[in-house]
Every structure is written in structure tokens, then in C-alpha cells.
Amino acid sequence: MAFTVIWYGRQGIIDKVIFDAEKVAKDHAISTRRGDEGIICVEVRKDNGTVVFSHAEN
């Protein structure tokens, strides 16, 4: 099963990266801070669209 890390900005999706493992995807989403690029939210989603992790900046 693939997991997609999606970064969102005020105008919508900024970037997507696909991983084979949930833990690797979550670790990447947590460790990659992109506040300087206008990122306001990051999500990890399963193939079926279910959100398994989400983080929004204040």
C-alpha cells in the first residue's frame, strides 16, 4: 500500500511525495518543516484517500 505526503499552501497543493510505508511517510512529514515555503498543512493519506496523519501550522 502506498502513502502520499501532501503539503498544502493557501492556494492549494504545493507538493506530493509517495512512500511505501506509513511510518516512513509520517516521519518524513514530521521532519520536513516547510514553513518558509508557505506550507500551512501537511497530510499523509492512504491509497484510498483516508487521512492517517495531519498537521496544520497556527
C-alpha atoms as a PDB file:
ATOM      1  CA  MET A   1       0.000   0.000   0.000  1.00  0.00           C
ATOM      2  CA  ALA A   2       1.291   3.456  -0.861  1.00  0.00           C
ATOM      3  CA  PHE A   3       1.108   6.510   1.378  1.00  0.00           C
ATOM      4  CA  THR A   4       1.185  10.032  -0.007  1.00  0.00           C
ATOM      5  CA  VAL A   5       2.543  13.025   1.893  1.00  0.00           C
ATOM      6  CA  ILE A   6       0.773  16.169   0.678  1.00  0.00           C
ATOM      7  CA  TRP A   7       1.815  19.712   1.568  1.00  0.00           C
ATOM      8  CA  TYR A   8      -0.809  22.453   1.289  1.00  0.00           C
ATOM      9  CA  GLY A   9      -0.414  26.205   0.994  1.00  0.00           C
ATOM     10  CA  ARG A  10      -3.030  28.935   0.910  1.00  0.00           C
ATOM     11  CA  GLN A  11      -3.583  28.346  -2.814  1.00  0.00           C
ATOM     12  CA  GLY A  12      -3.865  24.540  -2.606  1.00  0.00           C
ATOM     13  CA  ILE A  13      -1.468  21.613  -3.045  1.00  0.00           C
ATOM     14  CA  ILE A  14       2.187  22.598  -3.182  1.00  0.00           C
ATOM     15  CA  ASP A  15       3.901  19.197  -3.338  1.00  0.00           C
ATOM     16  CA  LYS A  16       3.274  15.439  -3.085  1.00  0.00           C
ATOM     17  CA  VAL A  17       5.660  12.578  -2.271  1.00  0.00           C
ATOM     18  CA  ILE A  18       4.734   8.863  -2.290  1.00  0.00           C
ATOM     19  CA  PHE A  19       6.148   6.303   0.164  1.00  0.00           C
ATOM     20  CA  ASP A  20       5.678   2.537   0.544  1.00  0.00           C
ATOM     21  CA  ALA A  21       5.417   2.540   4.356  1.00  0.00           C
ATOM     22  CA  GLU A  22       3.182   4.575   6.677  1.00  0.00           C
ATOM     23  CA  LYS A  23       5.883   5.135   9.305  1.00  0.00           C
ATOM     24  CA  VAL A  24       8.360   6.457   6.732  1.00  0.00           C
ATOM     25  CA  ALA A  25       5.708   8.810   5.319  1.00  0.00           C
ATOM     26  CA  LYS A  26       4.779  10.126   8.790  1.00  0.00           C
ATOM     27  CA  ASP A  27       8.431  10.568   9.775  1.00  0.00           C
ATOM     28  CA  HIS A  28       9.070  12.498   6.565  1.00  0.00           C
ATOM     29  CA  ALA A  29       6.018  14.722   7.104  1.00  0.00           C
ATOM     30  CA  ILE A  30       7.083  15.474  10.697  1.00  0.00           C
ATOM     31  CA  SER A  31      10.782  16.037   9.995  1.00  0.00           C
ATOM     32  CA  THR A  32      10.315  18.195   6.923  1.00  0.00           C
ATOM     33  CA  ARG A  33       9.437  21.672   8.100  1.00  0.00           C
ATOM     34  CA  ARG A  34       8.491  23.840   5.157  1.00  0.00           C
ATOM     35  CA  GLY A  35       7.128  26.950   6.876  1.00  0.00           C
ATOM     36  CA  ASP A  36       9.472  29.112   4.873  1.00  0.00           C
ATOM     37  CA  GLU A  37       7.868  27.822   1.663  1.00  0.00           C
ATOM     38  CA  GLY A  38       4.343  28.886   2.603  1.00  0.00           C
ATOM     39  CA  ILE A  39       3.210  25.463   3.839  1.00  0.00           C
ATOM     40  CA  ILE A  40       0.221  25.680   6.173  1.00  0.00           C
ATOM     41  CA  CYS A  41      -0.730  21.980   6.420  1.00  0.00           C
ATOM     42  CA  VAL A  42       0.695  18.522   5.757  1.00  0.00           C
ATOM     43  CA  GLU A  43      -1.239  15.256   5.445  1.00  0.00           C
ATOM     44  CA  VAL A  44      -0.386  11.588   5.000  1.00  0.00           C
ATOM     45  CA  ARG A  45      -3.037   9.680   3.029  1.00  0.00           C
ATOM     46  CA  LYS A  46      -3.552   6.022   2.129  1.00  0.00           C
ATOM     47  CA  ASP A  47      -4.245   4.946  -1.462  1.00  0.00           C
ATOM     48  CA  ASN A  48      -7.993   5.061  -0.778  1.00  0.00           C
ATOM     49  CA  GLY A  49      -7.800   8.702   0.383  1.00  0.00           C
ATOM     50  CA  THR A  50      -8.068   8.064   4.124  1.00  0.00           C
ATOM     51  CA  VAL A  51      -6.036  10.587   6.134  1.00  0.00           C
ATOM     52  CA  VAL A  52      -3.749   8.786   8.606  1.00  0.00           C
ATOM     53  CA  PHE A  53      -1.816  11.879   9.794  1.00  0.00           C
ATOM     54  CA  SER A  54      -2.425  15.607   9.595  1.00  0.00           C
ATOM     55  CA  HIS A  55      -0.651  18.665  10.972  1.00  0.00           C
ATOM     56  CA  ALA A  56      -1.580  22.316  10.484  1.00  0.00           C
ATOM     57  CA  GLU A  57       0.509  25.363  11.363  1.00  0.00           C
ATOM     58  CA  ASN A  58      -1.023  28.038  13.550  1.00  0.00           C
END
